[in-house]
C-alpha atoms as a PDB file:
ATOM      1  CA  MET A   1     125.260 352.343 145.042  1.00  0.00           C
ATOM      2  CA  LEU A   2     125.825 355.580 143.127  1.00  0.00           C
ATOM      3  CA  VAL A   3     123.843 355.971 139.876  1.00  0.00           C
ATOM      4  CA  LYS A   4     125.225 358.094 137.064  1.00  0.00           C
ATOM      5  CA  GLY A   5     122.959 360.784 135.515  1.00  0.00           C
ATOM      6  CA  ASN A   6     123.182 363.842 133.248  1.00  0.00           C
ATOM      7  CA  ALA A   7     126.392 365.502 134.432  1.00  0.00           C
ATOM      8  CA  SER A   8     125.543 369.038 133.220  1.00  0.00           C
ATOM      9  CA  GLY A   9     122.034 369.044 134.682  1.00  0.00           C
ATOM     10  CA  ARG A  10     123.234 367.640 137.980  1.00  0.00           C
ATOM     11  CA  ARG A  11     125.998 370.253 138.167  1.00  0.00           C
ATOM     12  CA  ASN A  12     123.458 373.116 137.639  1.00  0.00           C
ATOM     13  CA  ASN A  13     121.180 371.642 140.280  1.00  0.00           C
ATOM     14  CA  ILE A  14     124.049 371.380 142.740  1.00  0.00           C
ATOM     15  CA  LEU A  15     125.120 374.986 142.107  1.00  0.00           C
ATOM     16  CA  GLN A  16     121.562 376.224 142.598  1.00  0.00           C
ATOM     17  CA  SER A  17     121.297 374.199 145.811  1.00  0.00           C
ATOM     18  CA  VAL A  18     124.498 375.716 147.100  1.00  0.00           C
ATOM     19  CA  LYS A  19     123.206 379.217 146.277  1.00  0.00           C
ATOM     20  CA  ASP A  20     119.888 378.585 148.039  1.00  0.00           C
ATOM     21  CA  ALA A  21     121.639 377.080 151.008  1.00  0.00           C
ATOM     22  CA  SER A  22     123.953 380.072 151.341  1.00  0.00           C
ATOM     23  CA  SER A  23     121.044 382.446 151.705  1.00  0.00           C
ATOM     24  CA  SER A  24     119.639 380.476 154.604  1.00  0.00           C
ATOM     25  CA  ILE A  25     122.852 379.785 156.513  1.00  0.00           C
ATOM     26  CA  SER A  26     122.596 382.902 158.674  1.00  0.00           C
ATOM     27  CA  MET A  27     119.074 382.041 159.777  1.00  0.00           C
ATOM     28  CA  MET A  28     120.090 378.419 160.447  1.00  0.00           C
ATOM     29  CA  ARG A  29     123.034 379.516 162.559  1.00  0.00           C
ATOM     30  CA  LEU A  30     120.801 381.767 164.666  1.00  0.00           C
ATOM     31  CA  THR A  31     118.180 379.077 165.102  1.00  0.00           C
ATOM     32  CA  GLY A  32     120.810 376.465 165.911  1.00  0.00           C
ATOM     33  CA  ALA A  33     122.406 378.659 168.545  1.00  0.00           C
ATOM     34  CA  VAL A  34     119.067 379.177 170.266  1.00  0.00           C
ATOM     35  CA  LEU A  35     118.315 375.455 170.231  1.00  0.00           C
ATOM     36  CA  VAL A  36     121.725 374.523 171.630  1.00  0.00           C
ATOM     37  CA  PHE A  37     121.347 377.097 174.410  1.00  0.00           C
ATOM     38  CA  CYS A  38     117.906 375.742 175.305  1.00  0.00           C
ATOM     39  CA  CYS A  39     119.143 372.172 175.329  1.00  0.00           C
ATOM     40  CA  ILE A  40     122.044 373.076 177.603  1.00  0.00           C
ATOM     41  CA  ILE A  41     119.690 374.768 180.054  1.00  0.00           C
ATOM     42  CA  ASP A  42     117.231 371.872 179.893  1.00  0.00           C
ATOM     43  CA  PHE A  43     119.912 369.238 180.347  1.00  0.00           C
ATOM     44  CA  THR A  44     121.532 371.101 183.223  1.00  0.00           C
ATOM     45  CA  PHE A  45     118.361 371.385 185.239  1.00  0.00           C
ATOM     46  CA  LYS A  46     116.738 368.028 184.449  1.00  0.00           C
ATOM     47  CA  PRO A  47     118.458 365.143 186.296  1.00  0.00           C
ATOM     48  CA  SER A  48     116.114 362.651 184.598  1.00  0.00           C
ATOM     49  CA  LEU A  49     117.437 363.725 181.191  1.00  0.00           C
ATOM     50  CA  ARG A  50     121.017 363.347 182.338  1.00  0.00           C
ATOM     51  CA  ALA A  51     120.214 359.861 183.661  1.00  0.00           C
ATOM     52  CA  ALA A  52     118.600 358.858 180.390  1.00  0.00           C
ATOM     53  CA  VAL A  53     121.655 359.944 178.430  1.00  0.00           C
ATOM     54  CA  ALA A  54     123.916 358.049 180.819  1.00  0.00           C
ATOM     55  CA  ASP A  55     121.781 354.919 180.489  1.00  0.00           C
ATOM     56  CA  SER A  56     121.863 355.056 176.703  1.00  0.00           C
ATOM     57  CA  THR A  57     125.637 355.463 176.811  1.00  0.00           C
ATOM     58  CA  ASN A  58     125.934 352.406 179.027  1.00  0.00           C
ATOM     59  CA  VAL A  59     123.829 350.382 176.606  1.00  0.00           C
ATOM     60  CA  LEU A  60     126.095 351.346 173.742  1.00  0.00           C
ATOM     61  CA  ASP A  61     129.203 350.607 175.791  1.00  0.00           C
ATOM     62  CA  ALA A  62     127.795 347.175 176.666  1.00  0.00           C
ATOM     63  CA  THR A  63     128.359 346.065 173.078  1.00  0.00           C
ATOM     64  CA  LYS A  64     132.023 346.955 173.218  1.00  0.00           C
ATOM     65  CA  HIS A  65     134.982 345.944 175.346  1.00  0.00           C
ATOM     66  CA  LYS A  66     138.243 347.741 175.897  1.00  0.00           C
ATOM     67  CA  ASN A  67     140.228 348.256 172.701  1.00  0.00           C
ATOM     68  CA  ASN A  68     136.932 348.261 170.776  1.00  0.00           C
ATOM     69  CA  VAL A  69     136.553 344.477 170.849  1.00  0.00           C
ATOM     70  CA  SER A  70     133.028 343.466 169.877  1.00  0.00           C
ATOM     71  CA  LEU A  71     131.160 341.432 172.465  1.00  0.00           C
ATOM     72  CA  LEU A  72     129.182 338.279 171.867  1.00  0.00           C
ATOM     73  CA  ASP A  73     125.456 338.914 171.811  1.00  0.00           C
ATOM     74  CA  LEU A  74     124.627 336.436 174.567  1.00  0.00           C
ATOM     75  CA  PRO A  75     121.252 336.718 176.367  1.00  0.00           C
ATOM     76  CA  LEU A  76     121.260 338.520 179.708  1.00  0.00           C
ATOM     77  CA  SER A  77     120.108 335.248 181.280  1.00  0.00           C
ATOM     78  CA  VAL A  78     123.503 333.679 180.536  1.00  0.00           C
ATOM     79  CA  LYS A  79     125.512 333.921 183.746  1.00  0.00           C
ATOM     80  CA  ASP A  80     128.089 331.146 183.239  1.00  0.00           C
ATOM     81  CA  VAL A  81     130.111 329.852 180.297  1.00  0.00           C
ATOM     82  CA  ALA A  82     132.482 326.929 179.746  1.00  0.00           C
ATOM     83  CA  ILE A  83     135.034 326.965 176.917  1.00  0.00           C
ATOM     84  CA  ASN A  84     136.488 323.850 175.291  1.00  0.00           C
ATOM     85  CA  VAL A  85     139.356 324.647 172.916  1.00  0.00           C
ATOM     86  CA  GLY A  86     140.130 321.681 170.681  1.00  0.00           C
ATOM     87  CA  SER A  87     136.921 319.850 171.498  1.00  0.00           C
ATOM     88  CA  ASN A  88     136.904 317.441 168.554  1.00  0.00           C
ATOM     89  CA  ILE A  89     133.394 315.917 168.176  1.00  0.00           C
ATOM     90  CA  ASP A  90     132.557 315.763 171.876  1.00  0.00           C
ATOM     91  CA  PRO A  91     132.818 319.143 173.665  1.00  0.00           C
ATOM     92  CA  ILE A  92     132.167 319.530 177.370  1.00  0.00           C
ATOM     93  CA  MET A  93     128.979 320.975 178.863  1.00  0.00           C
ATOM     94  CA  LEU A  94     128.441 322.509 182.305  1.00  0.00           C
ATOM     95  CA  ALA A  95     126.439 319.812 184.071  1.00  0.00           C
ATOM     96  CA  ASP A  96     125.948 321.076 187.634  1.00  0.00           C
ATOM     97  CA  LYS A  97     122.307 321.972 188.223  1.00  0.00           C
ATOM     98  CA  LYS A  98     123.364 325.226 189.870  1.00  0.00           C
ATOM     99  CA  TYR A  99     124.203 326.615 186.417  1.00  0.00           C
ATOM    100  CA  GLY A 100     120.678 326.059 185.152  1.00  0.00           C
ATOM    101  CA  PRO A 101     119.286 325.903 181.619  1.00  0.00           C
ATOM    102  CA  CYS A 102     120.755 329.274 180.609  1.00  0.00           C
ATOM    103  CA  ALA A 103     124.407 328.290 181.068  1.00  0.00           C
ATOM    104  CA  HIS A 104     126.264 328.305 177.761  1.00  0.00           C
ATOM    105  CA  ASN A 105     129.185 326.341 176.348  1.00  0.00           C
ATOM    106  CA  ILE A 106     131.610 327.296 173.574  1.00  0.00           C
ATOM    107  CA  ALA A 107     133.471 324.665 171.568  1.00  0.00           C
ATOM    108  CA  VAL A 108     136.434 325.764 169.445  1.00  0.00           C
ATOM    109  CA  GLU A 109     137.129 323.101 166.831  1.00  0.00           C
ATOM    110  CA  PRO A 110     138.818 323.654 163.424  1.00  0.00           C
ATOM    111  CA  ILE A 111     138.492 320.227 161.776  1.00  0.00           C
ATOM    112  CA  VAL A 112     135.251 318.433 162.686  1.00  0.00           C
ATOM    113  CA  ALA A 113     133.046 321.298 163.837  1.00  0.00           C
ATOM    114  CA  ASN A 114     130.308 320.115 161.482  1.00  0.00           C
ATOM    115  CA  LYS A 115     130.172 316.735 163.263  1.00  0.00           C
ATOM    116  CA  ILE A 116     129.453 318.152 166.713  1.00  0.00           C
ATOM    117  CA  PRO A 117     125.871 317.402 167.804  1.00  0.00           C
ATOM    118  CA  PHE A 118     123.576 320.394 168.063  1.00  0.00           C
ATOM    119  CA  HIS A 119     122.483 321.608 171.469  1.00  0.00           C
ATOM    120  CA  ARG A 120     120.792 324.885 172.313  1.00  0.00           C
ATOM    121  CA  GLN A 121     123.300 325.452 175.134  1.00  0.00           C
ATOM    122  CA  LEU A 122     126.285 325.024 172.827  1.00  0.00           C
ATOM    123  CA  SER A 123     127.968 327.304 170.282  1.00  0.00           C
ATOM    124  CA  VAL A 124     130.636 325.941 167.940  1.00  0.00           C
ATOM    125  CA  LEU A 125     133.461 328.132 166.646  1.00  0.00           C
ATOM    126  CA  PRO A 126     135.283 326.494 163.688  1.00  0.00           C
ATOM    127  CA  ALA A 127     138.800 327.802 164.265  1.00  0.00           C
ATOM    128  CA  ALA A 128     142.222 326.901 165.596  1.00  0.00           C
ATOM    129  CA  VAL A 129     143.933 328.788 168.431  1.00  0.00           C
ATOM    130  CA  SER A 130     147.498 330.067 168.555  1.00  0.00           C
ATOM    131  CA  SER A 131     149.512 333.058 169.745  1.00  0.00           C
ATOM    132  CA  ASN A 132     148.668 335.143 166.672  1.00  0.00           C
ATOM    133  CA  PRO A 133     145.474 335.413 164.620  1.00  0.00           C
ATOM    134  CA  GLY A 134     145.429 334.665 160.926  1.00  0.00           C
ATOM    135  CA  VAL A 135     145.198 331.705 158.557  1.00  0.00           C
ATOM    136  CA  MET A 136     147.389 328.603 158.856  1.00  0.00           C
ATOM    137  CA  SER A 137     147.822 325.107 157.500  1.00  0.00           C
ATOM    138  CA  MET A 138     146.750 322.259 159.768  1.00  0.00           C
ATOM    139  CA  ARG A 139     147.550 318.584 159.357  1.00  0.00           C
ATOM    140  CA  ILE A 140     144.855 316.014 159.994  1.00  0.00           C
ATOM    141  CA  TYR A 141     145.753 312.955 162.061  1.00  0.00           C
ATOM    142  CA  ASN A 142     144.001 310.044 163.745  1.00  0.00           C
ATOM    143  CA  VAL A 143     140.341 308.992 163.916  1.00  0.00           C
ATOM    144  CA  ASN A 144     137.988 311.961 163.430  1.00  0.00           C
ATOM    145  CA  GLY A 145     141.064 314.163 163.225  1.00  0.00           C
ATOM    146  CA  VAL A 146     141.459 313.937 167.011  1.00  0.00           C
ATOM    147  CA  SER A 147     145.245 314.457 166.829  1.00  0.00           C
ATOM    148  CA  SER A 148     145.234 317.172 164.152  1.00  0.00           C
ATOM    149  CA  SER A 149     147.692 319.982 164.786  1.00  0.00           C
ATOM    150  CA  LEU A 150     149.190 323.174 163.433  1.00  0.00           C
ATOM    151  CA  ALA A 151     152.544 321.447 164.084  1.00  0.00           C
ATOM    152  CA  LYS A 152     154.114 318.353 162.556  1.00  0.00           C
ATOM    153  CA  PRO A 153     154.443 315.161 164.616  1.00  0.00           C
ATOM    154  CA  ALA A 154     157.869 314.744 166.196  1.00  0.00           C
ATOM    155  CA  MET A 155     157.939 311.096 165.126  1.00  0.00           C
ATOM    156  CA  THR A 156     156.024 308.644 162.952  1.00  0.00           C
ATOM    157  CA  ASP A 157     153.603 306.621 165.045  1.00  0.00           C
ATOM    158  CA  PHE A 158     150.315 304.706 164.864  1.00  0.00           C
ATOM    159  CA  TRP A 159     148.204 307.853 165.295  1.00  0.00           C
ATOM    160  CA  ASN A 160     149.731 309.859 162.446  1.00  0.00           C
ATOM    161  CA  SER A 161     150.765 307.446 159.693  1.00  0.00           C
ATOM    162  CA  LYS A 162     147.655 305.743 158.299  1.00  0.00           C
ATOM    163  CA  GLU A 163     147.256 306.924 154.715  1.00  0.00           C
ATOM    164  CA  SER A 164     143.859 305.284 154.246  1.00  0.00           C
ATOM    165  CA  ARG A 165     142.553 307.463 157.082  1.00  0.00           C
ATOM    166  CA  GLY A 166     143.955 310.589 155.485  1.00  0.00           C
ATOM    167  CA  ASP A 167     146.697 311.158 158.035  1.00  0.00           C
ATOM    168  CA  GLY A 168     148.910 314.081 157.062  1.00  0.00           C
ATOM    169  CA  ARG A 169     146.384 315.759 154.787  1.00  0.00           C
ATOM    170  CA  LEU A 170     146.695 319.556 154.867  1.00  0.00           C
ATOM    171  CA  VAL A 171     143.751 321.882 155.326  1.00  0.00           C
ATOM    172  CA  ILE A 172     143.634 325.671 155.675  1.00  0.00           C
ATOM    173  CA  VAL A 173     142.043 326.936 158.884  1.00  0.00           C
ATOM    174  CA  PRO A 174     141.270 330.315 160.443  1.00  0.00           C
ATOM    175  CA  VAL A 175     143.243 331.008 163.619  1.00  0.00           C
ATOM    176  CA  ILE A 176     142.198 333.125 166.581  1.00  0.00           C
ATOM    177  CA  THR A 177     143.841 333.945 169.900  1.00  0.00           C
ATOM    178  CA  LEU A 178     142.473 332.808 173.231  1.00  0.00           C
ATOM    179  CA  SER A 179     142.536 336.358 174.548  1.00  0.00           C
ATOM    180  CA  SER A 180     140.302 337.547 171.699  1.00  0.00           C
ATOM    181  CA  LEU A 181     137.737 334.884 172.581  1.00  0.00           C
ATOM    182  CA  LEU A 182     137.823 335.721 176.280  1.00  0.00           C
ATOM    183  CA  ASN A 183     137.584 339.448 175.602  1.00  0.00           C
ATOM    184  CA  SER A 184     134.509 338.871 173.443  1.00  0.00           C
ATOM    185  CA  ILE A 185     132.585 337.437 176.402  1.00  0.00           C
ATOM    186  CA  PRO A 186     130.796 340.174 178.379  1.00  0.00           C
ATOM    187  CA  LYS A 187     132.365 340.698 181.785  1.00  0.00           C
ATOM    188  CA  ARG A 188     129.046 340.099 183.507  1.00  0.00           C
ATOM    189  CA  ILE A 189     129.424 336.422 182.511  1.00  0.00           C
ATOM    190  CA  ASN A 190     131.491 334.056 184.641  1.00  0.00           C
ATOM    191  CA  VAL A 191     133.879 331.825 182.690  1.00  0.00           C
ATOM    192  CA  ALA A 192     133.404 328.809 184.933  1.00  0.00           C
ATOM    193  CA  PHE A 193     135.827 326.468 183.186  1.00  0.00           C
ATOM    194  CA  LEU A 194     138.391 326.526 180.384  1.00  0.00           C
ATOM    195  CA  MET A 195     139.660 323.299 178.836  1.00  0.00           C
ATOM    196  CA  THR A 196     142.380 323.117 176.173  1.00  0.00           C
ATOM    197  CA  ASP A 197     143.500 320.117 174.156  1.00  0.00           C
ATOM    198  CA  ILE A 198     145.167 321.554 171.076  1.00  0.00           C
ATOM    199  CA  GLN A 199     147.982 319.191 170.246  1.00  0.00           C
ATOM    200  CA  GLY A 200     151.085 321.037 171.359  1.00  0.00           C
ATOM    201  CA  TYR A 201     149.697 324.556 171.153  1.00  0.00           C
ATOM    202  CA  ASP A 202     148.170 324.634 174.648  1.00  0.00           C
ATOM    203  CA  PHE A 203     151.087 326.423 176.290  1.00  0.00           C
ATOM    204  CA  MET A 204     151.390 328.936 173.472  1.00  0.00           C
ATOM    205  CA  ALA A 205     147.675 329.727 173.626  1.00  0.00           C
ATOM    206  CA  ILE A 206     147.586 330.141 177.409  1.00  0.00           C
ATOM    207  CA  LYS A 207     150.745 332.262 177.482  1.00  0.00           C
ATOM    208  CA  GLU A 208     149.324 334.645 174.890  1.00  0.00           C
ATOM    209  CA  ALA A 209     146.163 335.122 176.967  1.00  0.00           C
ATOM    210  CA  LYS A 210     147.768 335.225 180.406  1.00  0.00           C
ATOM    211  CA  ASN A 211     146.745 338.766 181.349  1.00  0.00           C
ATOM    212  CA  THR A 212     143.123 338.177 180.376  1.00  0.00           C
ATOM    213  CA  LEU A 213     143.025 334.725 181.953  1.00  0.00           C
ATOM    214  CA  LYS A 214     143.993 336.049 185.364  1.00  0.00           C
ATOM    215  CA  GLU A 215     140.977 338.354 185.304  1.00  0.00           C
ATOM    216  CA  ARG A 216     138.393 335.998 183.826  1.00  0.00           C
ATOM    217  CA  VAL A 217     139.084 332.310 184.527  1.00  0.00           C
ATOM    218  CA  THR A 218     139.508 330.508 187.848  1.00  0.00           C
ATOM    219  CA  HIS A 219     139.544 326.842 186.764  1.00  0.00           C
ATOM    220  CA  ILE A 220     141.598 325.567 183.812  1.00  0.00           C
ATOM    221  CA  MET A 221     142.491 322.166 182.404  1.00  0.00           C
ATOM    222  CA  THR A 222     145.327 321.912 179.867  1.00  0.00           C
ATOM    223  CA  GLU A 223     147.056 319.111 178.015  1.00  0.00           C
ATOM    224  CA  VAL A 224     150.743 318.939 179.013  1.00  0.00           C
ATOM    225  CA  TRP A 225     153.824 316.881 178.217  1.00  0.00           C
ATOM    226  CA  TYR A 226     156.267 315.173 180.597  1.00  0.00           C
ATOM    227  CA  GLY A 227     160.042 314.791 180.674  1.00  0.00           C
ATOM    228  CA  ASP A 228     160.824 317.124 177.760  1.00  0.00           C
ATOM    229  CA  VAL A 229     159.211 314.582 175.433  1.00  0.00           C
ATOM    230  CA  TYR A 230     157.875 316.134 172.221  1.00  0.00           C
ATOM    231  CA  THR A 231     154.679 314.838 170.651  1.00  0.00           C
ATOM    232  CA  TYR A 232     154.913 317.564 167.995  1.00  0.00           C
ATOM    233  CA  SER A 233     157.914 319.447 166.622  1.00  0.00           C
ATOM    234  CA  GLY A 234     158.560 323.146 166.992  1.00  0.00           C
ATOM    235  CA  VAL A 235     156.369 323.774 170.053  1.00  0.00           C
ATOM    236  CA  HIS A 236     156.983 323.744 173.801  1.00  0.00           C
ATOM    237  CA  ASN A 237     154.444 322.203 176.166  1.00  0.00           C
ATOM    238  CA  ASP A 238     156.396 320.603 179.027  1.00  0.00           C
ATOM    239  CA  LEU A 239     154.739 320.580 182.446  1.00  0.00           C
ATOM    240  CA  CYS A 240     157.911 321.089 184.466  1.00  0.00           C
ATOM    241  CA  ARG A 241     159.895 323.374 182.180  1.00  0.00           C
ATOM    242  CA  ASP A 242     157.088 325.484 180.706  1.00  0.00           C
ATOM    243  CA  TRP A 243     153.790 325.182 182.543  1.00  0.00           C
ATOM    244  CA  LEU A 244     154.696 325.300 186.222  1.00  0.00           C
ATOM    245  CA  PRO A 245     156.823 328.488 185.949  1.00  0.00           C
ATOM    246  CA  LEU A 246     154.189 330.292 183.857  1.00  0.00           C
ATOM    247  CA  MET A 247     151.149 329.278 185.885  1.00  0.00           C
ATOM    248  CA  THR A 248     152.912 330.025 189.173  1.00  0.00           C
ATOM    249  CA  GLU A 249     153.753 333.492 187.860  1.00  0.00           C
ATOM    250  CA  MET A 250     150.129 333.980 186.805  1.00  0.00           C
ATOM    251  CA  GLY A 251     148.841 333.018 190.257  1.00  0.00           C
ATOM    252  CA  TYR A 252     147.518 329.488 189.640  1.00  0.00           C
ATOM    253  CA  THR A 253     148.071 326.283 191.595  1.00  0.00           C
ATOM    254  CA  LEU A 254     148.382 322.831 190.064  1.00  0.00           C
ATOM    255  CA  VAL A 255     145.954 320.756 192.127  1.00  0.00           C
ATOM    256  CA  LYS A 256     146.117 317.444 190.235  1.00  0.00           C
ATOM    257  CA  THR A 257     146.650 315.772 186.887  1.00  0.00           C
ATOM    258  CA  ALA A 258     144.646 313.019 185.258  1.00  0.00           C
ATOM    259  CA  TYR A 259     147.298 310.484 186.331  1.00  0.00           C
ATOM    260  CA  GLU A 260     148.702 312.007 189.517  1.00  0.00           C
ATOM    261  CA  ASP A 261     147.097 313.389 192.688  1.00  0.00           C
ATOM    262  CA  ASP A 262     150.280 313.656 194.763  1.00  0.00           C
ATOM    263  CA  MET A 263     151.623 317.108 193.979  1.00  0.00           C
ATOM    264  CA  GLU A 264     154.694 316.696 196.159  1.00  0.00           C
ATOM    265  CA  LYS A 265     155.658 313.642 194.166  1.00  0.00           C
ATOM    266  CA  LEU A 266     155.123 315.552 190.953  1.00  0.00           C
ATOM    267  CA  LYS A 267     157.174 318.480 192.226  1.00  0.00           C
ATOM    268  CA  ALA A 268     160.066 316.150 193.043  1.00  0.00           C
ATOM    269  CA  ARG A 269     159.805 314.668 189.567  1.00  0.00           C
ATOM    270  CA  CYS A 270     160.106 318.129 188.039  1.00  0.00           C
ATOM    271  CA  GLU A 271     163.080 319.065 190.187  1.00  0.00           C
ATOM    272  CA  LYS A 272     164.872 315.908 189.104  1.00  0.00           C
ATOM    273  CA  GLN A 273     164.104 316.525 185.431  1.00  0.00           C
ATOM    274  CA  LEU A 274     165.397 320.100 185.449  1.00  0.00           C
ATOM    275  CA  LYS A 275     168.473 319.217 187.502  1.00  0.00           C
ATOM    276  CA  GLU A 276     169.459 316.381 185.182  1.00  0.00           C
ATOM    277  CA  ASN A 277     168.670 318.378 182.044  1.00  0.00           C
ATOM    278  CA  PRO A 278     169.206 322.101 182.658  1.00  0.00           C
ATOM    279  CA  GLN A 279     169.047 322.693 178.895  1.00  0.00           C
ATOM    280  CA  ARG A 280     165.957 321.785 176.925  1.00  0.00           C
ATOM    281  CA  PRO A 281     166.602 318.930 174.477  1.00  0.00           C
ATOM    282  CA  SER A 282     165.454 319.215 170.867  1.00  0.00           C
ATOM    283  CA  GLY A 283     162.433 317.504 169.415  1.00  0.00           C
ATOM    284  CA  LYS A 284     164.656 315.188 167.380  1.00  0.00           C
ATOM    285  CA  GLU A 285     166.484 314.098 170.522  1.00  0.00           C
ATOM    286  CA  ASN A 286     163.389 313.435 172.573  1.00  0.00           C
ATOM    287  CA  ALA A 287     160.416 312.638 170.345  1.00  0.00           C
ATOM    288  CA  GLY A 288     157.715 310.448 171.821  1.00  0.00           C
ATOM    289  CA  LEU A 289     154.382 310.357 173.568  1.00  0.00           C
ATOM    290  CA  SER A 290     154.145 311.300 177.263  1.00  0.00           C
ATOM    291  CA  GLU A 291     151.016 313.366 177.882  1.00  0.00           C
ATOM    292  CA  ASP A 292     148.700 314.215 180.743  1.00  0.00           C
ATOM    293  CA  ASN A 293     145.924 316.666 181.623  1.00  0.00           C
ATOM    294  CA  ALA A 294     146.810 319.256 184.266  1.00  0.00           C
ATOM    295  CA  TYR A 295     144.195 320.962 186.455  1.00  0.00           C
ATOM    296  CA  TRP A 296     144.880 324.534 187.585  1.00  0.00           C
ATOM    297  CA  VAL A 297     142.979 326.722 190.058  1.00  0.00           C
ATOM    298  CA  ARG A 298     143.577 330.420 190.642  1.00  0.00           C
ATOM    299  CA  ASN A 299     145.142 330.956 194.056  1.00  0.00           C
ATOM    300  CA  ASP A 300     142.359 333.116 195.489  1.00  0.00           C
ATOM    301  CA  VAL A 301     139.791 330.309 195.003  1.00  0.00           C
ATOM    302  CA  VAL A 302     142.039 327.277 195.320  1.00  0.00           C
ATOM    303  CA  GLU A 303     139.581 325.541 197.666  1.00  0.00           C
ATOM    304  CA  GLN A 304     136.729 325.713 195.175  1.00  0.00           C
ATOM    305  CA  PRO A 305     136.121 322.456 193.292  1.00  0.00           C
ATOM    306  CA  PHE A 306     136.066 322.171 189.538  1.00  0.00           C
ATOM    307  CA  PRO A 307     132.605 322.498 187.993  1.00  0.00           C
ATOM    308  CA  GLY A 308     130.947 319.275 186.952  1.00  0.00           C
ATOM    309  CA  VAL A 309     131.070 318.747 183.201  1.00  0.00           C
ATOM    310  CA  VAL A 310     129.991 316.001 180.798  1.00  0.00           C
ATOM    311  CA  SER A 311     130.369 315.544 177.066  1.00  0.00           C
ATOM    312  CA  VAL A 312     127.624 316.924 174.870  1.00  0.00           C
ATOM    313  CA  GLN A 313     126.739 313.410 173.731  1.00  0.00           C
ATOM    314  CA  LYS A 314     126.007 312.436 177.331  1.00  0.00           C
ATOM    315  CA  TYR A 315     124.445 315.716 178.380  1.00  0.00           C
ATOM    316  CA  ASP A 316     120.812 315.232 179.359  1.00  0.00           C
ATOM    317  CA  PRO A 317     119.946 317.795 182.048  1.00  0.00           C
ATOM    318  CA  GLY A 318     116.220 317.221 181.785  1.00  0.00           C
ATOM    319  CA  TYR A 319     115.227 320.872 181.533  1.00  0.00           C
ATOM    320  CA  ALA A 320     111.695 321.459 180.322  1.00  0.00           C
ATOM    321  CA  GLU A 321     110.882 323.667 177.363  1.00  0.00           C
ATOM    322  CA  GLU A 322     109.332 326.205 179.718  1.00  0.00           C
ATOM    323  CA  GLU A 323     112.642 326.452 181.581  1.00  0.00           C
ATOM    324  CA  TYR A 324     114.554 327.083 178.355  1.00  0.00           C
ATOM    325  CA  LYS A 325     112.085 329.827 177.451  1.00  0.00           C
ATOM    326  CA  THR A 326     113.412 331.823 180.413  1.00  0.00           C
ATOM    327  CA  CYS A 327     116.823 332.089 178.740  1.00  0.00           C
ATOM    328  CA  VAL A 328     116.330 335.479 177.119  1.00  0.00           C
END
């Protein structure tokens, strides 16, 4: 904070300071030149000094990513992370013992973030995810807001029409992009698993982050729709028409869905859908509920299984306090 004082006295003091400084500038220039010359000589002939400067530069760079994106200040012991976008009250946790007590999990939840149980291996980000950052209105639907969305339902149904539950109530939420979240995670950390369940915005979120995803994430689970059926209006999320073309282009393979293991059968289903309906129908024409969870693996590691995960409410890895103390 600047504090006002006597203007005339301060002006005289400043003028006198300028006068005194002028008389010493020549000497300062000479001294500065000598110092710079000495430093150049010293730096040139001392490899240890050059190494120290390089190390300090690397440390500073470690807090930034390309395009000056700030990085999360995660401990160096964190080697693996799982991300659950749209977690509701029960986000996933990496459960395989190979990840150890220092593995971390990030839940992105805009409505009931305050109801998620605390766990030292879990961080909760109270935000929605879309293709552009900002602030948006979100409508709350269903028990614990589990069906809340940035979009409106395509039809009135049991999960979105109970007034006593508060269905349809509008709230204002911050919105981030998936790429910004991924870019904030230091590259030394492996993103072991990404799960999205964001009520119609899954495809939009993944498409926005596609270039970053290809570099960072090998195993992804997304909520998808079947048969051009719209759960929500104004968004596209169809497995056959939207997801398969995009994920194939990105270099991912669909290995299964929650309801289907036979990928040839699913492929035939998609071919039939697109042949019979070359043009996408509107949400008004085809509103309904036909959802599934699709599991994608990047092509270069397609044989690697999905990491074991459990919900935070069932997560009990049995790590001792001494083991957690190593996570620094």
